[in-house]
C-alpha atoms as a PDB file:
ATOM      1  CA  GLN A   1      -2.628  12.519 -11.392  1.00  0.00           C
ATOM      2  CA  VAL A   2      -2.069  10.760  -8.072  1.00  0.00           C
ATOM      3  CA  TYR A   3       1.351   9.548  -7.034  1.00  0.00           C
ATOM      4  CA  LEU A   4       2.162   6.867  -4.450  1.00  0.00           C
ATOM      5  CA  ALA A   5       5.541   6.676  -2.743  1.00  0.00           C
ATOM      6  CA  GLU A   6       6.508   3.639  -0.677  1.00  0.00           C
ATOM      7  CA  SER A   7       9.285   3.378   1.857  1.00  0.00           C
ATOM      8  CA  GLY A   8      10.449   1.044   4.588  1.00  0.00           C
ATOM      9  CA  GLY A   9      11.508  -2.054   2.703  1.00  0.00           C
ATOM     10  CA  GLY A  10      14.760  -3.845   3.384  1.00  0.00           C
ATOM     11  CA  GLU A  11      16.362  -7.057   4.530  1.00  0.00           C
ATOM     12  CA  VAL A  12      15.493  -8.747   7.785  1.00  0.00           C
ATOM     13  CA  GLN A  13      16.093 -12.072   9.426  1.00  0.00           C
ATOM     14  CA  SER A  14      13.257 -14.556   9.748  1.00  0.00           C
ATOM     15  CA  GLY A  15      11.111 -13.634  12.745  1.00  0.00           C
ATOM     16  CA  GLY A  16      11.949  -9.972  12.444  1.00  0.00           C
ATOM     17  CA  SER A  17       9.766  -6.962  11.695  1.00  0.00           C
ATOM     18  CA  LEU A  18       9.498  -4.199   9.124  1.00  0.00           C
ATOM     19  CA  ARG A  19       7.115  -1.281   8.685  1.00  0.00           C
ATOM     20  CA  LEU A  20       6.161  -0.091   5.233  1.00  0.00           C
ATOM     21  CA  SER A  21       4.807   3.376   4.567  1.00  0.00           C
ATOM     22  CA  CYS A  22       2.984   4.787   1.567  1.00  0.00           C
ATOM     23  CA  VAL A  23       2.047   8.409   1.017  1.00  0.00           C
ATOM     24  CA  ALA A  24      -0.213   9.632  -1.748  1.00  0.00           C
ATOM     25  CA  SER A  25       0.352  13.017  -3.323  1.00  0.00           C
ATOM     26  CA  GLY A  26      -0.624  15.006  -6.381  1.00  0.00           C
ATOM     27  CA  ARG A  27      -4.022  16.257  -7.463  1.00  0.00           C
ATOM     28  CA  ILE A  28      -6.032  14.103  -5.072  1.00  0.00           C
ATOM     29  CA  PHE A  29      -9.777  14.641  -5.145  1.00  0.00           C
ATOM     30  CA  SER A  30     -10.646  11.594  -3.100  1.00  0.00           C
ATOM     31  CA  ILE A  31      -9.184   8.220  -2.207  1.00  0.00           C
ATOM     32  CA  GLU A  32     -11.476   5.359  -1.348  1.00  0.00           C
ATOM     33  CA  ASN A  33      -9.607   2.099  -0.843  1.00  0.00           C
ATOM     34  CA  MET A  34      -5.898   1.661  -0.311  1.00  0.00           C
ATOM     35  CA  GLY A  35      -3.848  -1.453   0.096  1.00  0.00           C
ATOM     36  CA  TRP A  36      -0.640  -3.393  -0.163  1.00  0.00           C
ATOM     37  CA  TYR A  37       0.114  -5.974  -2.823  1.00  0.00           C
ATOM     38  CA  ARG A  38       3.206  -8.081  -3.271  1.00  0.00           C
ATOM     39  CA  GLN A  39       4.850  -9.938  -6.095  1.00  0.00           C
ATOM     40  CA  ALA A  40       7.461 -12.624  -5.575  1.00  0.00           C
ATOM     41  CA  PRO A  41       9.887 -13.582  -8.361  1.00  0.00           C
ATOM     42  CA  GLY A  42       8.006 -15.586 -10.964  1.00  0.00           C
ATOM     43  CA  GLY A  43       4.715 -15.069  -9.171  1.00  0.00           C
ATOM     44  CA  ASP A  44       1.573 -13.037  -9.659  1.00  0.00           C
ATOM     45  CA  ARG A  45       0.842  -9.805  -7.866  1.00  0.00           C
ATOM     46  CA  GLU A  46      -1.390 -10.624  -4.899  1.00  0.00           C
ATOM     47  CA  LEU A  47      -3.291  -8.596  -2.341  1.00  0.00           C
ATOM     48  CA  VAL A  48      -1.685  -8.651   1.090  1.00  0.00           C
ATOM     49  CA  ALA A  49      -3.925  -6.242   2.983  1.00  0.00           C
ATOM     50  CA  GLY A  50      -6.507  -3.597   2.162  1.00  0.00           C
ATOM     51  CA  ILE A  51      -8.263  -0.815   4.023  1.00  0.00           C
ATOM     52  CA  THR A  52     -11.289   1.279   3.107  1.00  0.00           C
ATOM     53  CA  ASN A  53     -11.689   4.975   3.824  1.00  0.00           C
ATOM     54  CA  GLY A  54     -13.985   3.867   6.652  1.00  0.00           C
ATOM     55  CA  GLY A  55     -11.238   1.789   8.214  1.00  0.00           C
ATOM     56  CA  THR A  56     -12.468  -1.678   7.313  1.00  0.00           C
ATOM     57  CA  THR A  57      -9.535  -4.006   6.763  1.00  0.00           C
ATOM     58  CA  ASN A  58      -8.995  -7.309   5.030  1.00  0.00           C
ATOM     59  CA  TYR A  59      -5.965  -9.577   4.896  1.00  0.00           C
ATOM     60  CA  ASP A  60      -4.679 -12.483   2.912  1.00  0.00           C
ATOM     61  CA  ASP A  61      -4.841 -15.622   5.044  1.00  0.00           C
ATOM     62  CA  SER A  62      -1.073 -16.018   4.872  1.00  0.00           C
ATOM     63  CA  VAL A  63      -0.469 -12.794   6.813  1.00  0.00           C
ATOM     64  CA  LYS A  64      -3.383 -12.740   9.246  1.00  0.00           C
ATOM     65  CA  GLY A  65      -2.159 -12.276  12.803  1.00  0.00           C
ATOM     66  CA  ARG A  66       1.274 -11.138  11.625  1.00  0.00           C
ATOM     67  CA  PHE A  67       0.630  -8.035   9.491  1.00  0.00           C
ATOM     68  CA  THR A  68      -1.405  -4.971  10.391  1.00  0.00           C
ATOM     69  CA  ILE A  69      -2.533  -2.321   7.939  1.00  0.00           C
ATOM     70  CA  SER A  70      -3.415   1.165   9.156  1.00  0.00           C
ATOM     71  CA  ARG A  71      -4.389   4.422   7.536  1.00  0.00           C
ATOM     72  CA  ASP A  72      -3.985   8.133   8.177  1.00  0.00           C
ATOM     73  CA  SER A  73      -6.597   9.651   5.915  1.00  0.00           C
ATOM     74  CA  ALA A  74      -5.588  13.208   6.790  1.00  0.00           C
ATOM     75  CA  GLN A  75      -2.106  12.473   5.452  1.00  0.00           C
ATOM     76  CA  ASN A  76      -3.311  10.246   2.608  1.00  0.00           C
ATOM     77  CA  ALA A  77      -1.016   7.566   3.982  1.00  0.00           C
ATOM     78  CA  ILE A  78      -1.160   3.881   4.807  1.00  0.00           C
ATOM     79  CA  TYR A  79       1.205   1.684   6.724  1.00  0.00           C
ATOM     80  CA  LEU A  80       1.906  -2.022   6.931  1.00  0.00           C
ATOM     81  CA  GLN A  81       3.396  -3.350  10.134  1.00  0.00           C
ATOM     82  CA  MET A  82       4.909  -6.729   9.367  1.00  0.00           C
ATOM     83  CA  ASN A  83       5.868  -8.949  12.287  1.00  0.00           C
ATOM     84  CA  SER A  84       7.114 -12.523  12.507  1.00  0.00           C
ATOM     85  CA  LEU A  85       8.380 -12.298   8.949  1.00  0.00           C
ATOM     86  CA  LYS A  86       9.074 -15.490   7.037  1.00  0.00           C
ATOM     87  CA  PRO A  87      11.277 -16.152   4.005  1.00  0.00           C
ATOM     88  CA  GLU A  88       8.110 -16.696   1.955  1.00  0.00           C
ATOM     89  CA  ASP A  89       7.171 -13.046   2.610  1.00  0.00           C
ATOM     90  CA  THR A  90      10.068 -12.052   0.367  1.00  0.00           C
ATOM     91  CA  ALA A  91       8.672 -10.002  -2.511  1.00  0.00           C
ATOM     92  CA  VAL A  92       8.345  -6.548  -3.969  1.00  0.00           C
ATOM     93  CA  TYR A  93       5.579  -4.786  -2.060  1.00  0.00           C
ATOM     94  CA  TYR A  94       3.390  -2.306  -3.912  1.00  0.00           C
ATOM     95  CA  CYS A  95       1.118   0.353  -2.518  1.00  0.00           C
ATOM     96  CA  ALA A  96      -2.187   0.739  -4.354  1.00  0.00           C
ATOM     97  CA  ALA A  97      -5.017   3.220  -4.186  1.00  0.00           C
ATOM     98  CA  TYR A  98      -8.404   3.587  -5.831  1.00  0.00           C
ATOM     99  CA  GLY A  99      -9.610   7.125  -6.142  1.00  0.00           C
ATOM    100  CA  SER A 100     -10.018  10.255  -8.192  1.00  0.00           C
ATOM    101  CA  SER A 101      -7.770  13.101  -9.164  1.00  0.00           C
ATOM    102  CA  TYR A 102      -9.003  16.555 -10.080  1.00  0.00           C
ATOM    103  CA  ALA A 103      -8.498  19.029 -12.876  1.00  0.00           C
ATOM    104  CA  MET A 104      -8.746  22.774 -12.428  1.00  0.00           C
ATOM    105  CA  LYS A 105     -11.259  24.817 -14.375  1.00  0.00           C
ATOM    106  CA  GLY A 106     -10.654  28.344 -13.323  1.00  0.00           C
ATOM    107  CA  TRP A 107     -10.859  28.158  -9.531  1.00  0.00           C
ATOM    108  CA  THR A 108     -13.003  25.033  -9.513  1.00  0.00           C
ATOM    109  CA  LYS A 109     -11.755  21.529  -8.885  1.00  0.00           C
ATOM    110  CA  LEU A 110     -13.370  19.084 -11.262  1.00  0.00           C
ATOM    111  CA  GLN A 111     -13.371  15.454 -10.187  1.00  0.00           C
ATOM    112  CA  GLN A 112     -11.917  13.067 -12.741  1.00  0.00           C
ATOM    113  CA  GLY A 113     -12.966   9.447 -13.153  1.00  0.00           C
ATOM    114  CA  ALA A 114     -11.888   7.020 -10.451  1.00  0.00           C
ATOM    115  CA  LYS A 115      -9.044   4.659 -11.275  1.00  0.00           C
ATOM    116  CA  HIS A 116      -6.367   2.511  -9.682  1.00  0.00           C
ATOM    117  CA  TYR A 117      -2.974   3.976  -8.891  1.00  0.00           C
ATOM    118  CA  TRP A 118       0.239   2.078  -8.081  1.00  0.00           C
ATOM    119  CA  GLY A 119       3.499   2.879  -6.400  1.00  0.00           C
ATOM    120  CA  GLN A 120       6.884   1.827  -7.752  1.00  0.00           C
ATOM    121  CA  GLY A 121       7.318  -0.932  -5.178  1.00  0.00           C
ATOM    122  CA  THR A 122       9.736  -1.601  -2.347  1.00  0.00           C
ATOM    123  CA  GLN A 123      11.756  -4.775  -1.899  1.00  0.00           C
ATOM    124  CA  VAL A 124      11.308  -6.871   1.238  1.00  0.00           C
ATOM    125  CA  THR A 125      13.765  -9.709   1.720  1.00  0.00           C
ATOM    126  CA  VAL A 126      13.523 -12.137   4.621  1.00  0.00           C
ATOM    127  CA  PHE A 127      16.426 -14.510   5.086  1.00  0.00           C
ATOM    128  CA  SER A 128      16.526 -17.561   7.300  1.00  0.00           C
END
């Protein structure tokens, strides 16, 4: 199993900044893509920013130029630097990863099938 733990959410005034962190742990065999999603009250979960294990990034148009996603593959971690925050950025932010865990057979790590993993979410509230 792979576990994702987010941190860094909170309340901030419009125009302010926050930095979210997500660290993966557990029986990680490999992680390919990681990203940040968000879900506002009454809304659908939507992709905010994603990053591949090669470092290629993509962003939702609504956050381009304001948010920056980065990755520390050695630490199995990703970050989301959020600047110029707006009230419409208010949502629960979820860390996501696509990868494989492993099972032990004797001393051998056996790769399990790739799947999506999700964190528990962290609340970001931007007030005007």
